[in-house]
Amino acid sequence: MDIRDVVTDISQAVPEVRRRMRDAAAKLHEIMANPAYKGCKIEVYGHSLGSMQAQTALADLDDREASRISGAWMYEGPNMYSKLNARQQKRAQSYGSRVHNYIDARDPIIQAGRAGGMAYDDDGKVVGRVQRIQSKNIGNPVKQHVWGGYEWTKDGGLALDSKTISRIRDLRLRKLSRYAKSLQGGNPLSSSQRLFLDAEQALVLVGGGRCERGLVSSGC
Protein backbone atom coordinates (compact mmCIF):
# COMPACT_ATOMS: atom_id res chain seq x y z
CA MET A 1 0.00 0.00 0.00
CA ASP A 2 1.41 3.38 -1.07
CA ILE A 3 0.80 6.02 1.60
CA ARG A 4 0.55 8.67 -1.13
CA ASP A 5 -2.43 6.83 -2.58
CA VAL A 6 -4.10 6.76 0.83
CA VAL A 7 -3.54 10.50 1.28
CA THR A 8 -5.04 11.15 -2.17
CA ASP A 9 -8.08 9.01 -1.36
CA ILE A 10 -8.63 10.84 1.92
CA SER A 11 -8.28 14.24 0.22
CA GLN A 12 -10.85 13.32 -2.41
CA ALA A 13 -13.26 12.20 0.30
CA VAL A 14 -12.95 15.42 2.35
CA PRO A 15 -16.49 16.78 1.68
CA GLU A 16 -18.08 13.49 2.75
CA VAL A 17 -15.79 13.20 5.77
CA ARG A 18 -16.70 16.73 6.89
CA ARG A 19 -20.40 15.90 6.61
CA ARG A 20 -19.90 12.83 8.76
CA MET A 21 -18.01 14.89 11.34
CA ARG A 22 -20.94 17.33 11.56
CA ASP A 23 -23.42 14.45 11.77
CA ALA A 24 -21.48 12.82 14.61
CA ALA A 25 -21.34 16.06 16.61
CA ALA A 26 -25.07 16.61 16.07
CA LYS A 27 -25.86 13.04 17.17
CA LEU A 28 -23.90 13.37 20.42
CA HIS A 29 -25.65 16.68 21.18
CA GLU A 30 -28.96 14.93 20.47
CA ILE A 31 -28.13 12.10 22.87
CA MET A 32 -27.15 14.59 25.56
CA ALA A 33 -30.46 16.47 25.13
CA ASN A 34 -32.64 13.35 25.14
CA PRO A 35 -34.79 13.30 28.32
CA ALA A 36 -34.48 9.50 28.38
CA TYR A 37 -30.75 9.91 29.15
CA LYS A 38 -31.09 12.71 31.70
CA GLY A 39 -28.56 12.21 34.47
CA CYS A 40 -26.72 9.51 32.52
CA LYS A 41 -22.97 9.40 32.05
CA ILE A 42 -21.88 8.76 28.47
CA GLU A 43 -19.00 6.70 27.09
CA VAL A 44 -17.82 7.07 23.50
CA TYR A 45 -16.02 4.61 21.25
CA GLY A 46 -14.72 4.91 17.68
CA HIS A 47 -12.30 3.24 15.27
CA SER A 48 -10.80 4.76 12.09
CA LEU A 49 -13.42 7.15 10.67
CA GLY A 50 -15.34 6.52 13.88
CA SER A 51 -12.33 7.82 15.82
CA MET A 52 -12.34 10.99 13.74
CA GLN A 53 -16.07 11.40 14.37
CA ALA A 54 -15.65 10.77 18.09
CA GLN A 55 -12.82 13.32 18.35
CA THR A 56 -14.91 15.97 16.59
CA ALA A 57 -18.07 15.24 18.57
CA LEU A 58 -16.28 15.33 21.92
CA ALA A 59 -14.57 18.60 21.02
CA ASP A 60 -17.92 20.23 20.19
CA LEU A 61 -19.51 19.72 23.62
CA ASP A 62 -20.18 22.58 26.04
CA ASP A 63 -19.16 22.52 29.71
CA ARG A 64 -22.35 20.85 30.94
CA GLU A 65 -22.28 18.20 28.24
CA ALA A 66 -18.56 17.49 28.64
CA SER A 67 -19.03 16.87 32.37
CA ARG A 68 -21.22 13.88 31.48
CA ILE A 69 -18.48 12.12 29.51
CA SER A 70 -17.18 9.39 31.81
CA GLY A 71 -14.75 8.04 29.23
CA ALA A 72 -13.90 7.68 25.55
CA TRP A 73 -11.79 5.13 23.68
CA MET A 74 -10.72 5.97 20.14
CA TYR A 75 -8.53 3.85 17.89
CA GLU A 76 -6.53 4.35 14.71
CA GLY A 77 -7.92 7.62 13.40
CA PRO A 78 -5.87 10.61 12.20
CA ASN A 79 -5.47 13.51 14.64
CA MET A 80 -8.43 15.90 14.17
CA TYR A 81 -7.06 18.65 16.43
CA SER A 82 -5.83 20.89 13.59
CA LYS A 83 -9.30 20.79 12.01
CA LEU A 84 -11.01 22.16 15.13
CA ASN A 85 -11.77 25.80 15.86
CA ALA A 86 -10.31 27.55 18.92
CA ARG A 87 -13.29 26.73 21.16
CA GLN A 88 -13.20 23.08 20.17
CA GLN A 89 -9.44 22.85 20.67
CA LYS A 90 -9.83 24.17 24.22
CA ARG A 91 -12.48 21.55 24.90
CA ALA A 92 -10.31 18.82 23.32
CA GLN A 93 -7.55 19.49 25.84
CA SER A 94 -9.89 19.61 28.83
CA TYR A 95 -10.68 15.90 29.11
CA GLY A 96 -7.35 14.67 30.41
CA SER A 97 -7.25 10.97 31.23
CA ARG A 98 -10.96 10.47 30.58
CA VAL A 99 -10.36 10.32 26.83
CA HIS A 100 -7.92 7.81 25.35
CA ASN A 101 -6.65 8.06 21.77
CA TYR A 102 -4.86 4.84 20.78
CA ILE A 103 -2.54 4.76 17.79
CA ASP A 104 -0.29 2.18 16.14
CA ALA A 105 2.58 3.96 14.35
CA ARG A 106 2.68 1.07 11.85
CA ASP A 107 -0.95 1.62 10.81
CA PRO A 108 -1.07 3.01 7.23
CA ILE A 109 -3.98 5.27 8.17
CA ILE A 110 -1.98 6.86 10.97
CA GLN A 111 0.95 7.22 8.56
CA ALA A 112 -1.34 8.79 5.96
CA GLY A 113 -2.63 11.20 8.60
CA ARG A 114 0.93 12.29 9.33
CA ALA A 115 1.61 12.82 5.62
CA GLY A 116 -1.62 14.81 5.36
CA GLY A 117 -0.89 17.18 8.26
CA MET A 118 -2.89 15.26 10.88
CA ALA A 119 -0.03 13.77 12.88
CA TYR A 120 0.17 12.92 16.57
CA ASP A 121 3.13 14.96 17.74
CA ASP A 122 4.29 15.32 21.34
CA ASP A 123 2.89 18.84 21.67
CA GLY A 124 -0.37 18.13 23.49
CA LYS A 125 -2.45 19.13 20.48
CA VAL A 126 -4.83 16.20 20.55
CA VAL A 127 -8.31 15.24 21.73
CA GLY A 128 -7.74 13.62 25.13
CA ARG A 129 -4.47 11.77 25.61
CA VAL A 130 -2.49 9.77 23.08
CA GLN A 131 -1.72 6.16 23.96
CA ARG A 132 0.95 4.82 21.61
CA ILE A 133 0.65 1.08 21.17
CA GLN A 134 3.59 -1.31 21.22
CA SER A 135 2.91 -3.12 17.96
CA LYS A 136 4.38 -5.58 15.50
CA ASN A 137 4.41 -5.36 11.70
CA ILE A 138 2.15 -8.14 10.39
CA GLY A 139 2.71 -7.36 6.70
CA ASN A 140 -0.95 -6.74 5.89
CA PRO A 141 -2.02 -3.06 5.88
CA VAL A 142 -5.73 -3.81 6.32
CA LYS A 143 -5.19 -6.16 9.26
CA GLN A 144 -2.64 -3.73 10.70
CA HIS A 145 -5.37 -1.08 10.71
CA VAL A 146 -7.90 -3.29 12.49
CA TRP A 147 -5.80 -4.00 15.59
CA GLY A 148 -3.82 -6.83 13.98
CA GLY A 149 -0.47 -5.49 15.16
CA TYR A 150 -1.52 -4.82 18.75
CA GLU A 151 0.40 -6.61 21.47
CA TRP A 152 -0.98 -7.52 24.87
CA THR A 153 0.29 -7.89 28.41
CA LYS A 154 -0.12 -11.16 30.30
CA ASP A 155 -3.14 -9.81 32.18
CA GLY A 156 -4.97 -8.81 29.00
CA GLY A 157 -4.13 -5.11 28.83
CA LEU A 158 -2.77 -3.35 25.76
CA ALA A 159 1.02 -3.10 25.67
CA LEU A 160 2.15 0.52 25.33
CA ASP A 161 5.41 1.90 23.97
CA SER A 162 8.15 3.10 26.30
CA LYS A 163 7.42 6.81 25.82
CA THR A 164 3.76 6.35 26.73
CA ILE A 165 4.69 4.19 29.73
CA SER A 166 7.05 6.89 31.02
CA ARG A 167 4.40 9.60 30.60
CA ILE A 168 1.73 7.57 32.40
CA ARG A 169 4.14 6.68 35.20
CA ASP A 170 5.10 10.35 35.67
CA LEU A 171 1.45 11.44 35.73
CA ARG A 172 0.56 8.81 38.32
CA LEU A 173 3.53 9.66 40.51
CA ARG A 174 2.58 13.36 40.43
CA LYS A 175 -0.99 12.47 41.41
CA LEU A 176 0.32 10.28 44.22
CA SER A 177 2.54 13.13 45.44
CA ARG A 178 -0.43 15.51 45.52
CA TYR A 179 -2.47 12.89 47.37
CA ALA A 180 0.30 12.45 49.94
CA LYS A 181 0.35 16.20 50.58
CA SER A 182 -3.42 16.24 51.01
CA LEU A 183 -3.18 13.38 53.53
CA GLN A 184 -0.41 15.09 55.44
CA GLY A 185 -2.14 18.44 55.87
CA GLY A 186 0.91 19.89 57.61
CA ASN A 187 1.26 16.92 59.96
CA PRO A 188 3.61 13.92 59.79
CA LEU A 189 2.19 10.87 58.03
CA SER A 190 1.20 7.92 60.18
CA SER A 191 2.97 4.59 59.70
CA SER A 192 -0.13 3.13 57.99
CA GLN A 193 -0.33 6.10 55.61
CA ARG A 194 3.36 5.76 54.73
CA LEU A 195 2.90 2.04 54.14
CA PHE A 196 -0.08 2.70 51.85
CA LEU A 197 1.78 5.35 49.84
CA ASP A 198 4.89 3.17 49.52
CA ALA A 199 2.74 0.32 48.21
CA GLU A 200 0.94 2.60 45.76
CA GLN A 201 4.25 3.99 44.49
CA ALA A 202 5.56 0.47 43.95
CA LEU A 203 2.43 -0.42 41.97
CA VAL A 204 2.89 2.64 39.77
CA LEU A 205 6.54 1.83 39.06
CA VAL A 206 5.86 -1.83 38.32
CA GLY A 207 2.52 -1.53 36.53
CA GLY A 208 3.05 1.52 34.34
CA GLY A 209 3.22 -0.48 31.12
CA ARG A 210 -0.30 -1.74 30.81
CA CYS A 211 -3.38 -0.03 29.47
CA GLU A 212 -6.51 0.14 31.59
CA ARG A 213 -9.44 -1.55 29.92
CA GLY A 214 -12.83 0.11 29.81
CA LEU A 215 -16.37 -0.77 28.90
CA VAL A 216 -17.74 0.91 25.81
CA SER A 217 -21.34 1.87 26.38
CA SER A 218 -23.56 4.56 27.84
CA GLY A 219 -24.76 4.16 31.38
CA CYS A 220 -26.66 5.90 34.17
C-alpha atoms as a PDB file:
ATOM      1  CA  MET A   1       0.000   0.000   0.000  1.00  0.00           C
ATOM      2  CA  ASP A   2       1.409   3.379  -1.068  1.00  0.00           C
ATOM      3  CA  ILE A   3       0.801   6.020   1.602  1.00  0.00           C
ATOM      4  CA  ARG A   4       0.554   8.670  -1.130  1.00  0.00           C
ATOM      5  CA  ASP A   5      -2.434   6.835  -2.579  1.00  0.00           C
ATOM      6  CA  VAL A   6      -4.101   6.757   0.831  1.00  0.00           C
ATOM      7  CA  VAL A   7      -3.539  10.498   1.281  1.00  0.00           C
ATOM      8  CA  THR A   8      -5.042  11.146  -2.171  1.00  0.00           C
ATOM      9  CA  ASP A   9      -8.080   9.007  -1.363  1.00  0.00           C
ATOM     10  CA  ILE A  10      -8.629  10.843   1.920  1.00  0.00           C
ATOM     11  CA  SER A  11      -8.275  14.241   0.225  1.00  0.00           C
ATOM     12  CA  GLN A  12     -10.849  13.325  -2.406  1.00  0.00           C
ATOM     13  CA  ALA A  13     -13.258  12.198   0.301  1.00  0.00           C
ATOM     14  CA  VAL A  14     -12.948  15.419   2.346  1.00  0.00           C
ATOM     15  CA  PRO A  15     -16.487  16.783   1.684  1.00  0.00           C
ATOM     16  CA  GLU A  16     -18.083  13.489   2.746  1.00  0.00           C
ATOM     17  CA  VAL A  17     -15.785  13.204   5.768  1.00  0.00           C
ATOM     18  CA  ARG A  18     -16.703  16.727   6.891  1.00  0.00           C
ATOM     19  CA  ARG A  19     -20.396  15.898   6.606  1.00  0.00           C
ATOM     20  CA  ARG A  20     -19.901  12.829   8.760  1.00  0.00           C
ATOM     21  CA  MET A  21     -18.014  14.894  11.340  1.00  0.00           C
ATOM     22  CA  ARG A  22     -20.938  17.330  11.555  1.00  0.00           C
ATOM     23  CA  ASP A  23     -23.420  14.453  11.770  1.00  0.00           C
ATOM     24  CA  ALA A  24     -21.478  12.825  14.609  1.00  0.00           C
ATOM     25  CA  ALA A  25     -21.336  16.058  16.615  1.00  0.00           C
ATOM     26  CA  ALA A  26     -25.069  16.612  16.069  1.00  0.00           C
ATOM     27  CA  LYS A  27     -25.855  13.045  17.169  1.00  0.00           C
ATOM     28  CA  LEU A  28     -23.897  13.372  20.421  1.00  0.00           C
ATOM     29  CA  HIS A  29     -25.646  16.680  21.179  1.00  0.00           C
ATOM     30  CA  GLU A  30     -28.957  14.932  20.466  1.00  0.00           C
ATOM     31  CA  ILE A  31     -28.130  12.103  22.872  1.00  0.00           C
ATOM     32  CA  MET A  32     -27.155  14.594  25.557  1.00  0.00           C
ATOM     33  CA  ALA A  33     -30.456  16.470  25.127  1.00  0.00           C
ATOM     34  CA  ASN A  34     -32.644  13.347  25.136  1.00  0.00           C
ATOM     35  CA  PRO A  35     -34.793  13.297  28.321  1.00  0.00           C
ATOM     36  CA  ALA A  36     -34.478   9.501  28.384  1.00  0.00           C
ATOM     37  CA  TYR A  37     -30.749   9.910  29.152  1.00  0.00           C
ATOM     38  CA  LYS A  38     -31.094  12.707  31.704  1.00  0.00           C
ATOM     39  CA  GLY A  39     -28.556  12.207  34.466  1.00  0.00           C
ATOM     40  CA  CYS A  40     -26.716   9.510  32.525  1.00  0.00           C
ATOM     41  CA  LYS A  41     -22.975   9.403  32.048  1.00  0.00           C
ATOM     42  CA  ILE A  42     -21.884   8.760  28.473  1.00  0.00           C
ATOM     43  CA  GLU A  43     -19.003   6.703  27.090  1.00  0.00           C
ATOM     44  CA  VAL A  44     -17.817   7.072  23.497  1.00  0.00           C
ATOM     45  CA  TYR A  45     -16.020   4.605  21.247  1.00  0.00           C
ATOM     46  CA  GLY A  46     -14.718   4.909  17.683  1.00  0.00           C
ATOM     47  CA  HIS A  47     -12.298   3.240  15.265  1.00  0.00           C
ATOM     48  CA  SER A  48     -10.800   4.763  12.092  1.00  0.00           C
ATOM     49  CA  LEU A  49     -13.423   7.149  10.666  1.00  0.00           C
ATOM     50  CA  GLY A  50     -15.339   6.519  13.883  1.00  0.00           C
ATOM     51  CA  SER A  51     -12.335   7.821  15.823  1.00  0.00           C
ATOM     52  CA  MET A  52     -12.338  10.995  13.736  1.00  0.00           C
ATOM     53  CA  GLN A  53     -16.068  11.395  14.368  1.00  0.00           C
ATOM     54  CA  ALA A  54     -15.652  10.773  18.091  1.00  0.00           C
ATOM     55  CA  GLN A  55     -12.823  13.321  18.348  1.00  0.00           C
ATOM     56  CA  THR A  56     -14.909  15.970  16.593  1.00  0.00           C
ATOM     57  CA  ALA A  57     -18.072  15.238  18.568  1.00  0.00           C
ATOM     58  CA  LEU A  58     -16.279  15.331  21.923  1.00  0.00           C
ATOM     59  CA  ALA A  59     -14.570  18.603  21.024  1.00  0.00           C
ATOM     60  CA  ASP A  60     -17.915  20.231  20.189  1.00  0.00           C
ATOM     61  CA  LEU A  61     -19.510  19.718  23.620  1.00  0.00           C
ATOM     62  CA  ASP A  62     -20.177  22.575  26.036  1.00  0.00           C
ATOM     63  CA  ASP A  63     -19.163  22.519  29.709  1.00  0.00           C
ATOM     64  CA  ARG A  64     -22.351  20.846  30.937  1.00  0.00           C
ATOM     65  CA  GLU A  65     -22.280  18.197  28.236  1.00  0.00           C
ATOM     66  CA  ALA A  66     -18.564  17.486  28.638  1.00  0.00           C
ATOM     67  CA  SER A  67     -19.031  16.870  32.368  1.00  0.00           C
ATOM     68  CA  ARG A  68     -21.220  13.879  31.480  1.00  0.00           C
ATOM     69  CA  ILE A  69     -18.478  12.115  29.509  1.00  0.00           C
ATOM     70  CA  SER A  70     -17.180   9.394  31.805  1.00  0.00           C
ATOM     71  CA  GLY A  71     -14.750   8.037  29.226  1.00  0.00           C
ATOM     72  CA  ALA A  72     -13.896   7.682  25.554  1.00  0.00           C
ATOM     73  CA  TRP A  73     -11.795   5.129  23.677  1.00  0.00           C
ATOM     74  CA  MET A  74     -10.721   5.973  20.144  1.00  0.00           C
ATOM     75  CA  TYR A  75      -8.532   3.846  17.894  1.00  0.00           C
ATOM     76  CA  GLU A  76      -6.527   4.348  14.707  1.00  0.00           C
ATOM     77  CA  GLY A  77      -7.923   7.617  13.402  1.00  0.00           C
ATOM     78  CA  PRO A  78      -5.870  10.614  12.199  1.00  0.00           C
ATOM     79  CA  ASN A  79      -5.473  13.510  14.639  1.00  0.00           C
ATOM     80  CA  MET A  80      -8.430  15.900  14.170  1.00  0.00           C
ATOM     81  CA  TYR A  81      -7.062  18.652  16.429  1.00  0.00           C
ATOM     82  CA  SER A  82      -5.827  20.885  13.589  1.00  0.00           C
ATOM     83  CA  LYS A  83      -9.295  20.788  12.008  1.00  0.00           C
ATOM     84  CA  LEU A  84     -11.012  22.161  15.126  1.00  0.00           C
ATOM     85  CA  ASN A  85     -11.773  25.802  15.860  1.00  0.00           C
ATOM     86  CA  ALA A  86     -10.312  27.551  18.925  1.00  0.00           C
ATOM     87  CA  ARG A  87     -13.294  26.733  21.158  1.00  0.00           C
ATOM     88  CA  GLN A  88     -13.202  23.077  20.169  1.00  0.00           C
ATOM     89  CA  GLN A  89      -9.436  22.852  20.670  1.00  0.00           C
ATOM     90  CA  LYS A  90      -9.828  24.171  24.217  1.00  0.00           C
ATOM     91  CA  ARG A  91     -12.476  21.547  24.899  1.00  0.00           C
ATOM     92  CA  ALA A  92     -10.313  18.819  23.320  1.00  0.00           C
ATOM     93  CA  GLN A  93      -7.547  19.495  25.837  1.00  0.00           C
ATOM     94  CA  SER A  94      -9.895  19.605  28.829  1.00  0.00           C
ATOM     95  CA  TYR A  95     -10.682  15.899  29.108  1.00  0.00           C
ATOM     96  CA  GLY A  96      -7.347  14.668  30.406  1.00  0.00           C
ATOM     97  CA  SER A  97      -7.246  10.974  31.230  1.00  0.00           C
ATOM     98  CA  ARG A  98     -10.962  10.466  30.584  1.00  0.00           C
ATOM     99  CA  VAL A  99     -10.359  10.320  26.832  1.00  0.00           C
ATOM    100  CA  HIS A 100      -7.915   7.807  25.352  1.00  0.00           C
ATOM    101  CA  ASN A 101      -6.653   8.062  21.775  1.00  0.00           C
ATOM    102  CA  TYR A 102      -4.861   4.839  20.785  1.00  0.00           C
ATOM    103  CA  ILE A 103      -2.536   4.756  17.786  1.00  0.00           C
ATOM    104  CA  ASP A 104      -0.293   2.181  16.140  1.00  0.00           C
ATOM    105  CA  ALA A 105       2.579   3.958  14.353  1.00  0.00           C
ATOM    106  CA  ARG A 106       2.679   1.067  11.852  1.00  0.00           C
ATOM    107  CA  ASP A 107      -0.948   1.617  10.810  1.00  0.00           C
ATOM    108  CA  PRO A 108      -1.066   3.008   7.231  1.00  0.00           C
ATOM    109  CA  ILE A 109      -3.984   5.266   8.167  1.00  0.00           C
ATOM    110  CA  ILE A 110      -1.978   6.855  10.975  1.00  0.00           C
ATOM    111  CA  GLN A 111       0.953   7.223   8.559  1.00  0.00           C
ATOM    112  CA  ALA A 112      -1.343   8.791   5.962  1.00  0.00           C
ATOM    113  CA  GLY A 113      -2.633  11.197   8.598  1.00  0.00           C
ATOM    114  CA  ARG A 114       0.930  12.287   9.326  1.00  0.00           C
ATOM    115  CA  ALA A 115       1.608  12.816   5.621  1.00  0.00           C
ATOM    116  CA  GLY A 116      -1.624  14.814   5.365  1.00  0.00           C
ATOM    117  CA  GLY A 117      -0.894  17.179   8.256  1.00  0.00           C
ATOM    118  CA  MET A 118      -2.888  15.256  10.883  1.00  0.00           C
ATOM    119  CA  ALA A 119      -0.027  13.765  12.879  1.00  0.00           C
ATOM    120  CA  TYR A 120       0.165  12.915  16.570  1.00  0.00           C
ATOM    121  CA  ASP A 121       3.133  14.960  17.741  1.00  0.00           C
ATOM    122  CA  ASP A 122       4.288  15.320  21.344  1.00  0.00           C
ATOM    123  CA  ASP A 123       2.887  18.836  21.667  1.00  0.00           C
ATOM    124  CA  GLY A 124      -0.373  18.125  23.495  1.00  0.00           C
ATOM    125  CA  LYS A 125      -2.447  19.127  20.480  1.00  0.00           C
ATOM    126  CA  VAL A 126      -4.829  16.197  20.548  1.00  0.00           C
ATOM    127  CA  VAL A 127      -8.309  15.238  21.727  1.00  0.00           C
ATOM    128  CA  GLY A 128      -7.745  13.622  25.131  1.00  0.00           C
ATOM    129  CA  ARG A 129      -4.469  11.773  25.607  1.00  0.00           C
ATOM    130  CA  VAL A 130      -2.493   9.768  23.079  1.00  0.00           C
ATOM    131  CA  GLN A 131      -1.720   6.159  23.955  1.00  0.00           C
ATOM    132  CA  ARG A 132       0.950   4.825  21.610  1.00  0.00           C
ATOM    133  CA  ILE A 133       0.647   1.075  21.169  1.00  0.00           C
ATOM    134  CA  GLN A 134       3.586  -1.314  21.219  1.00  0.00           C
ATOM    135  CA  SER A 135       2.911  -3.118  17.957  1.00  0.00           C
ATOM    136  CA  LYS A 136       4.384  -5.580  15.496  1.00  0.00           C
ATOM    137  CA  ASN A 137       4.414  -5.365  11.698  1.00  0.00           C
ATOM    138  CA  ILE A 138       2.153  -8.136  10.394  1.00  0.00           C
ATOM    139  CA  GLY A 139       2.714  -7.364   6.695  1.00  0.00           C
ATOM    140  CA  ASN A 140      -0.948  -6.739   5.890  1.00  0.00           C
ATOM    141  CA  PRO A 141      -2.025  -3.061   5.879  1.00  0.00           C
ATOM    142  CA  VAL A 142      -5.733  -3.813   6.324  1.00  0.00           C
ATOM    143  CA  LYS A 143      -5.187  -6.157   9.263  1.00  0.00           C
ATOM    144  CA  GLN A 144      -2.645  -3.726  10.699  1.00  0.00           C
ATOM    145  CA  HIS A 145      -5.366  -1.077  10.713  1.00  0.00           C
ATOM    146  CA  VAL A 146      -7.904  -3.294  12.491  1.00  0.00           C
ATOM    147  CA  TRP A 147      -5.803  -3.996  15.586  1.00  0.00           C
ATOM    148  CA  GLY A 148      -3.817  -6.831  13.981  1.00  0.00           C
ATOM    149  CA  GLY A 149      -0.466  -5.488  15.161  1.00  0.00           C
ATOM    150  CA  TYR A 150      -1.516  -4.820  18.746  1.00  0.00           C
ATOM    151  CA  GLU A 151       0.402  -6.611  21.468  1.00  0.00           C
ATOM    152  CA  TRP A 152      -0.978  -7.516  24.875  1.00  0.00           C
ATOM    153  CA  THR A 153       0.285  -7.889  28.408  1.00  0.00           C
ATOM    154  CA  LYS A 154      -0.118 -11.158  30.305  1.00  0.00           C
ATOM    155  CA  ASP A 155      -3.139  -9.812  32.182  1.00  0.00           C
ATOM    156  CA  GLY A 156      -4.969  -8.813  29.000  1.00  0.00           C
ATOM    157  CA  GLY A 157      -4.127  -5.110  28.827  1.00  0.00           C
ATOM    158  CA  LEU A 158      -2.770  -3.349  25.764  1.00  0.00           C
ATOM    159  CA  ALA A 159       1.019  -3.102  25.670  1.00  0.00           C
ATOM    160  CA  LEU A 160       2.147   0.520  25.326  1.00  0.00           C
ATOM    161  CA  ASP A 161       5.407   1.897  23.965  1.00  0.00           C
ATOM    162  CA  SER A 162       8.153   3.096  26.304  1.00  0.00           C
ATOM    163  CA  LYS A 163       7.422   6.810  25.820  1.00  0.00           C
ATOM    164  CA  THR A 164       3.762   6.352  26.735  1.00  0.00           C
ATOM    165  CA  ILE A 165       4.689   4.186  29.728  1.00  0.00           C
ATOM    166  CA  SER A 166       7.052   6.894  31.023  1.00  0.00           C
ATOM    167  CA  ARG A 167       4.403   9.595  30.597  1.00  0.00           C
ATOM    168  CA  ILE A 168       1.732   7.570  32.398  1.00  0.00           C
ATOM    169  CA  ARG A 169       4.136   6.685  35.201  1.00  0.00           C
ATOM    170  CA  ASP A 170       5.098  10.349  35.673  1.00  0.00           C
ATOM    171  CA  LEU A 171       1.450  11.440  35.732  1.00  0.00           C
ATOM    172  CA  ARG A 172       0.556   8.808  38.317  1.00  0.00           C
ATOM    173  CA  LEU A 173       3.533   9.663  40.507  1.00  0.00           C
ATOM    174  CA  ARG A 174       2.581  13.358  40.428  1.00  0.00           C
ATOM    175  CA  LYS A 175      -0.989  12.466  41.410  1.00  0.00           C
ATOM    176  CA  LEU A 176       0.325  10.279  44.218  1.00  0.00           C
ATOM    177  CA  SER A 177       2.535  13.126  45.436  1.00  0.00           C
ATOM    178  CA  ARG A 178      -0.431  15.505  45.516  1.00  0.00           C
ATOM    179  CA  TYR A 179      -2.471  12.890  47.372  1.00  0.00           C
ATOM    180  CA  ALA A 180       0.305  12.448  49.937  1.00  0.00           C
ATOM    181  CA  LYS A 181       0.352  16.203  50.577  1.00  0.00           C
ATOM    182  CA  SER A 182      -3.420  16.242  51.013  1.00  0.00           C
ATOM    183  CA  LEU A 183      -3.179  13.382  53.533  1.00  0.00           C
ATOM    184  CA  GLN A 184      -0.410  15.085  55.441  1.00  0.00           C
ATOM    185  CA  GLY A 185      -2.141  18.443  55.871  1.00  0.00           C
ATOM    186  CA  GLY A 186       0.909  19.888  57.608  1.00  0.00           C
ATOM    187  CA  ASN A 187       1.261  16.919  59.960  1.00  0.00           C
ATOM    188  CA  PRO A 188       3.611  13.918  59.788  1.00  0.00           C
ATOM    189  CA  LEU A 189       2.186  10.873  58.025  1.00  0.00           C
ATOM    190  CA  SER A 190       1.203   7.923  60.177  1.00  0.00           C
ATOM    191  CA  SER A 191       2.967   4.587  59.696  1.00  0.00           C
ATOM    192  CA  SER A 192      -0.131   3.129  57.994  1.00  0.00           C
ATOM    193  CA  GLN A 193      -0.334   6.104  55.611  1.00  0.00           C
ATOM    194  CA  ARG A 194       3.358   5.762  54.728  1.00  0.00           C
ATOM    195  CA  LEU A 195       2.897   2.037  54.137  1.00  0.00           C
ATOM    196  CA  PHE A 196      -0.077   2.698  51.854  1.00  0.00           C
ATOM    197  CA  LEU A 197       1.780   5.351  49.838  1.00  0.00           C
ATOM    198  CA  ASP A 198       4.888   3.170  49.518  1.00  0.00           C
ATOM    199  CA  ALA A 199       2.741   0.317  48.214  1.00  0.00           C
ATOM    200  CA  GLU A 200       0.944   2.596  45.760  1.00  0.00           C
ATOM    201  CA  GLN A 201       4.246   3.992  44.492  1.00  0.00           C
ATOM    202  CA  ALA A 202       5.561   0.471  43.949  1.00  0.00           C
ATOM    203  CA  LEU A 203       2.433  -0.422  41.967  1.00  0.00           C
ATOM    204  CA  VAL A 204       2.889   2.641  39.767  1.00  0.00           C
ATOM    205  CA  LEU A 205       6.539   1.833  39.065  1.00  0.00           C
ATOM    206  CA  VAL A 206       5.856  -1.830  38.317  1.00  0.00           C
ATOM    207  CA  GLY A 207       2.524  -1.530  36.531  1.00  0.00           C
ATOM    208  CA  GLY A 208       3.053   1.516  34.340  1.00  0.00           C
ATOM    209  CA  GLY A 209       3.219  -0.484  31.117  1.00  0.00           C
ATOM    210  CA  ARG A 210      -0.304  -1.742  30.808  1.00  0.00           C
ATOM    211  CA  CYS A 211      -3.378  -0.035  29.475  1.00  0.00           C
ATOM    212  CA  GLU A 212      -6.511   0.142  31.587  1.00  0.00           C
ATOM    213  CA  ARG A 213      -9.442  -1.551  29.921  1.00  0.00           C
ATOM    214  CA  GLY A 214     -12.830   0.109  29.811  1.00  0.00           C
ATOM    215  CA  LEU A 215     -16.374  -0.771  28.900  1.00  0.00           C
ATOM    216  CA  VAL A 216     -17.739   0.909  25.806  1.00  0.00           C
ATOM    217  CA  SER A 217     -21.344   1.875  26.382  1.00  0.00           C
ATOM    218  CA  SER A 218     -23.561   4.557  27.844  1.00  0.00           C
ATOM    219  CA  GLY A 219     -24.761   4.160  31.384  1.00  0.00           C
ATOM    220  CA  CYS A 220     -26.656   5.900  34.171  1.00  0.00           C
END
